[in-house]
Amino acid sequence: MDDCIVIIPTYNEIENIESIIRAVLSQHKVFHVLIIDDNSPDQTAEKVIMLQSEFEGRLFIEKRAGKLGLGTAYVHGFRWALENKYDYIFEMDADFSHNPNDLEKLYDACHFGGADLAIGSRYVTGVNVVNWPLSRVLMSYFASVYVQFVTGMKIHDATAGFVCYKKQVLKGINIDKIKFVGYAFQIEMKYRTFCKKFRIVEVPIIFTDRTKGQSKMSSAIFQEAVIGVISLRLKKLVNAL
C-alpha cells in the first residue's frame, strides 16, 4: 500500500541527499519521500529533481524561496501530505542520524500497535546516542526532563525529530496554529497531540550524529525551546492553545 510519506526538510544536504533517498525507498515497506528544500545553494534540490525520473511517483520535492525554518518546512509538508491523501506522515532528518531501517518500527507502532503518534525515542530505554559530545547529550536529555516537568507529558524524548503521525492527528491539532520553528516546534507538535488526547508511543531507536554536512543546531533554537515550553503551558491553562 502506498500510504506512507516521509517528509525530509533540506538545506545544503548535497552530501547526504541521494544516499538518504535511496535508503528510504529501498525499504521492504513501500514509502514515498517528500523533500522540502529551502533554496539550498549547494544544489540539493537539483539532485532530487534528477532522481525523480528514477523514482517516478515515489519521490517528490517542494522548493521554497529561502531558509524559513524547520517548523514551517514540516507544516508545508504536512499540508501537502494531507492534500495527497497519505495515512501515515513521517518526519525524518536527511543526515542519517535517523536510521531508515527504523521507519517500519514507527509504522508498525501506528498501524498495528494503536499509536496515533509514534516517536523514535533516544531516551525511553536509557541514552541511545552515538557521536554526540557529552554536553549536547546532557542538554538534549535534560531538555526533555524540563518539558516533562512543565507540561506534564510523560514523554522521554520531547525534542525527537523522528516520528510518525496518523493523518487524524494532523487534522485534529490544527497545524495552521503551529508557531515555533526549531526544538520548540517538535515539543509543540507533541504537546498539541497530547492535549487532544491522542495516543503517543515511544519506540526505542539509536540516534547517530551526522558524519557529513553541517548541523543546523544553534543557541537561538535552544532558547526558543526553553521559552516556548512555558508559553505552551500558559496557553493551555487559559484555553488558548
Protein backbone atom coordinates (compact mmCIF):
# COMPACT_ATOMS: atom_id res chain seq x y z
CA MET A 1 0.00 0.00 0.00
CA ASP A 2 1.27 3.49 -0.87
CA ASP A 3 0.00 5.07 2.34
CA CYS A 4 3.23 6.43 3.88
CA ILE A 5 5.10 9.66 3.12
CA VAL A 6 8.46 10.53 4.69
CA ILE A 7 9.00 14.30 4.87
CA ILE A 8 12.66 15.34 4.81
CA PRO A 9 13.48 19.08 5.09
CA THR A 10 16.77 20.06 3.50
CA TYR A 11 19.19 22.95 3.43
CA ASN A 12 22.64 22.24 1.98
CA GLU A 13 22.42 18.44 2.20
CA ILE A 14 24.10 17.60 -1.11
CA GLU A 15 26.47 15.18 0.66
CA ASN A 16 23.60 13.13 2.08
CA ILE A 17 20.54 13.59 -0.09
CA GLU A 18 20.95 10.87 -2.72
CA SER A 19 22.01 8.27 -0.15
CA ILE A 20 19.12 9.00 2.23
CA ILE A 21 16.55 8.92 -0.59
CA ARG A 22 17.86 5.58 -1.84
CA ALA A 23 17.92 4.16 1.68
CA VAL A 24 14.31 5.13 2.39
CA LEU A 25 12.98 3.97 -0.97
CA SER A 26 14.78 0.63 -0.72
CA GLN A 27 12.94 -0.42 2.44
CA HIS A 28 10.78 -3.56 2.32
CA LYS A 29 7.74 -1.48 3.24
CA VAL A 30 6.79 0.98 0.48
CA PHE A 31 7.49 4.56 1.49
CA HIS A 32 7.24 7.73 -0.57
CA VAL A 33 9.57 10.68 0.07
CA LEU A 34 8.78 14.41 0.06
CA ILE A 35 11.77 16.74 0.15
CA ILE A 36 11.12 20.28 1.38
CA ASP A 37 14.14 22.27 0.22
CA ASP A 38 14.78 25.84 1.36
CA ASN A 39 16.61 27.03 -1.77
CA SER A 40 19.88 25.24 -0.92
CA PRO A 41 22.78 26.95 -2.72
CA ASP A 42 24.67 23.62 -2.91
CA GLN A 43 22.18 22.20 -5.48
CA THR A 44 20.44 19.76 -3.14
CA ALA A 45 17.15 20.38 -4.96
CA GLU A 46 18.71 19.85 -8.37
CA LYS A 47 19.98 16.43 -7.27
CA VAL A 48 16.50 15.47 -6.06
CA ILE A 49 14.96 16.56 -9.36
CA MET A 50 17.50 14.39 -11.22
CA LEU A 51 16.48 11.37 -9.12
CA GLN A 52 12.75 11.86 -9.69
CA SER A 53 12.84 10.17 -13.10
CA GLU A 54 14.32 7.06 -11.46
CA PHE A 55 11.72 7.06 -8.67
CA GLU A 56 8.69 8.33 -10.56
CA GLY A 57 5.59 8.52 -8.41
CA ARG A 58 7.54 7.94 -5.17
CA LEU A 59 9.86 10.94 -4.88
CA PHE A 60 8.52 14.48 -4.65
CA ILE A 61 10.01 17.88 -3.94
CA GLU A 62 8.66 21.23 -2.81
CA LYS A 63 11.11 24.12 -3.26
CA ARG A 64 10.75 27.19 -1.07
CA ALA A 65 12.16 30.66 -1.64
CA GLY A 66 14.60 30.71 1.26
CA LYS A 67 15.64 29.38 4.65
CA LEU A 68 12.35 29.63 6.54
CA GLY A 69 12.88 27.22 9.44
CA LEU A 70 12.34 23.58 10.27
CA GLY A 71 8.85 24.01 11.71
CA THR A 72 7.44 25.83 8.70
CA ALA A 73 9.05 23.24 6.40
CA TYR A 74 7.26 20.42 8.18
CA VAL A 75 3.94 22.28 8.26
CA HIS A 76 4.30 22.83 4.50
CA GLY A 77 4.94 19.11 4.14
CA PHE A 78 2.00 18.17 6.38
CA ARG A 79 -0.38 20.19 4.23
CA TRP A 80 0.99 18.56 1.08
CA ALA A 81 0.68 15.08 2.60
CA LEU A 82 -2.93 15.62 3.69
CA GLU A 83 -3.86 17.05 0.30
CA ASN A 84 -2.38 13.95 -1.31
CA LYS A 85 -4.30 11.55 0.95
CA TYR A 86 -1.47 9.85 2.86
CA ASP A 87 -2.48 7.97 6.01
CA TYR A 88 0.90 7.96 7.79
CA ILE A 89 3.16 11.00 7.74
CA PHE A 90 6.77 10.78 8.93
CA GLU A 91 9.35 13.36 9.97
CA MET A 92 12.98 12.43 9.32
CA ASP A 93 16.38 14.14 9.03
CA ALA A 94 18.45 13.95 5.85
CA ASP A 95 21.77 13.23 7.57
CA PHE A 96 21.34 9.57 8.65
CA SER A 97 21.08 10.50 12.32
CA HIS A 98 17.77 8.65 11.96
CA ASN A 99 18.20 5.13 10.62
CA PRO A 100 15.88 4.46 7.65
CA ASN A 101 15.62 0.86 8.84
CA ASP A 102 13.65 2.15 11.84
CA LEU A 103 10.87 3.64 9.70
CA GLU A 104 8.95 0.40 9.70
CA LYS A 105 9.10 0.21 13.51
CA LEU A 106 7.33 3.56 13.71
CA TYR A 107 4.81 2.49 11.07
CA ASP A 108 4.09 -0.76 12.94
CA ALA A 109 3.52 1.15 16.19
CA CYS A 110 0.81 3.21 14.48
CA HIS A 111 -0.66 0.70 12.02
CA PHE A 112 -0.65 -2.39 14.24
CA GLY A 113 0.04 -1.04 17.73
CA GLY A 114 -2.71 1.54 18.03
CA ALA A 115 -0.50 4.60 18.38
CA ASP A 116 -1.63 7.89 16.88
CA LEU A 117 1.90 9.32 17.19
CA ALA A 118 4.97 7.08 17.28
CA ILE A 119 8.19 8.74 18.46
CA GLY A 120 11.62 7.37 17.59
CA SER A 121 12.96 7.87 21.10
CA ARG A 122 16.60 8.29 22.12
CA TYR A 123 15.86 8.13 25.86
CA VAL A 124 12.98 5.73 26.53
CA THR A 125 15.41 2.86 27.29
CA GLY A 126 18.35 4.91 28.58
CA VAL A 127 20.55 7.19 26.48
CA ASN A 128 20.93 5.80 22.95
CA VAL A 129 23.00 8.49 21.24
CA VAL A 130 26.20 7.93 19.23
CA ASN A 131 28.89 10.51 18.39
CA TRP A 132 27.46 13.41 20.38
CA PRO A 133 29.66 15.25 22.89
CA LEU A 134 28.55 14.75 26.48
CA SER A 135 27.50 18.40 26.76
CA ARG A 136 24.99 18.02 23.93
CA VAL A 137 23.66 14.71 25.24
CA LEU A 138 23.04 16.32 28.62
CA MET A 139 21.43 19.40 27.06
CA SER A 140 19.06 17.27 24.98
CA TYR A 141 18.26 14.83 27.80
CA PHE A 142 17.54 17.49 30.39
CA ALA A 143 15.52 19.49 27.87
CA SER A 144 13.13 16.55 27.76
CA VAL A 145 13.10 16.31 31.57
CA TYR A 146 12.28 20.03 31.68
CA VAL A 147 9.45 19.56 29.16
CA GLN A 148 8.00 16.72 31.24
CA PHE A 149 8.09 18.89 34.35
CA VAL A 150 6.44 21.93 32.77
CA THR A 151 3.84 20.22 30.56
CA GLY A 152 3.02 17.01 32.40
CA MET A 153 3.67 14.91 29.30
CA LYS A 154 5.22 11.54 30.19
CA ILE A 155 7.45 11.59 27.13
CA HIS A 156 11.16 10.80 27.49
CA ASP A 157 12.23 12.42 24.19
CA ALA A 158 10.09 15.50 23.66
CA THR A 159 12.50 17.08 21.17
CA ALA A 160 12.73 14.00 18.93
CA GLY A 161 12.53 14.72 15.21
CA PHE A 162 11.95 11.14 14.01
CA VAL A 163 8.23 10.47 14.25
CA CYS A 164 5.17 9.02 12.54
CA TYR A 165 1.75 10.68 12.69
CA LYS A 166 -1.55 9.21 11.68
CA LYS A 167 -3.31 11.69 9.44
CA GLN A 168 -6.09 12.09 12.03
CA VAL A 169 -3.60 13.76 14.39
CA LEU A 170 -2.52 16.39 11.87
CA LYS A 171 -6.16 17.07 11.02
CA GLY A 172 -7.10 17.25 14.70
CA ILE A 173 -4.45 19.59 16.11
CA ASN A 174 -4.90 22.42 13.58
CA ILE A 175 -1.41 22.70 12.08
CA ASP A 176 -2.16 26.28 10.99
CA LYS A 177 -1.65 27.29 14.64
CA ILE A 178 1.88 25.90 14.89
CA LYS A 179 4.19 28.81 15.79
CA PHE A 180 7.65 27.50 16.59
CA VAL A 181 10.45 26.53 14.21
CA GLY A 182 13.29 24.64 15.98
CA TYR A 183 13.33 22.32 19.01
CA ALA A 184 10.23 24.12 20.21
CA PHE A 185 8.38 23.01 17.06
CA GLN A 186 8.96 19.36 17.95
CA ILE A 187 7.76 19.98 21.50
CA GLU A 188 4.72 21.96 20.34
CA MET A 189 3.62 19.18 17.97
CA LYS A 190 3.81 16.59 20.72
CA TYR A 191 2.09 18.83 23.26
CA ARG A 192 -0.80 19.63 20.93
CA THR A 193 -1.13 15.91 20.21
CA PHE A 194 -1.10 15.18 23.95
CA CYS A 195 -3.69 17.88 24.71
CA LYS A 196 -6.05 16.38 22.12
CA LYS A 197 -5.71 13.04 23.94
CA PHE A 198 -4.23 11.14 21.02
CA ARG A 199 -2.25 8.03 21.94
CA ILE A 200 1.52 8.62 21.96
CA VAL A 201 4.03 5.74 21.97
CA GLU A 202 7.82 5.91 22.19
CA VAL A 203 9.77 3.41 20.09
CA PRO A 204 13.42 2.98 21.11
CA ILE A 205 15.98 3.90 18.43
CA ILE A 206 19.71 4.57 18.30
CA PHE A 207 20.48 8.13 17.20
CA THR A 208 23.80 8.62 15.38
CA ASP A 209 25.10 12.13 14.81
CA ARG A 210 25.75 13.19 11.22
CA THR A 211 29.13 12.42 9.66
CA LYS A 212 28.63 14.62 6.57
CA GLY A 213 27.39 18.20 6.23
CA GLN A 214 26.80 20.81 8.91
CA SER A 215 24.46 20.70 11.90
CA LYS A 216 21.69 23.33 11.94
CA MET A 217 21.58 23.50 15.76
CA SER A 218 22.12 26.91 17.36
CA SER A 219 21.76 28.54 20.76
CA ALA A 220 18.79 30.56 19.47
CA ILE A 221 16.94 27.34 18.63
CA PHE A 222 17.59 26.00 22.13
CA GLN A 223 16.47 29.26 23.75
CA GLU A 224 13.25 29.15 21.73
CA ALA A 225 12.54 25.74 23.22
CA VAL A 226 13.10 26.85 26.82
CA ILE A 227 10.79 29.86 26.50
CA GLY A 228 8.38 28.11 24.16
CA VAL A 229 7.55 25.35 26.62
CA ILE A 230 6.39 27.87 29.22
CA SER A 231 4.38 29.71 26.55
CA LEU A 232 2.64 26.48 25.51
CA ARG A 233 1.76 25.61 29.09
CA LEU A 234 0.35 29.07 29.78
CA LYS A 235 -1.76 28.93 26.62
CA LYS A 236 -3.16 25.58 27.71
CA LEU A 237 -4.03 26.94 31.15
CA VAL A 238 -6.08 29.76 29.63
CA ASN A 239 -7.57 27.52 26.90
CA ALA A 240 -5.77 29.48 24.18
CA LEU A 241 -3.74 26.59 22.73
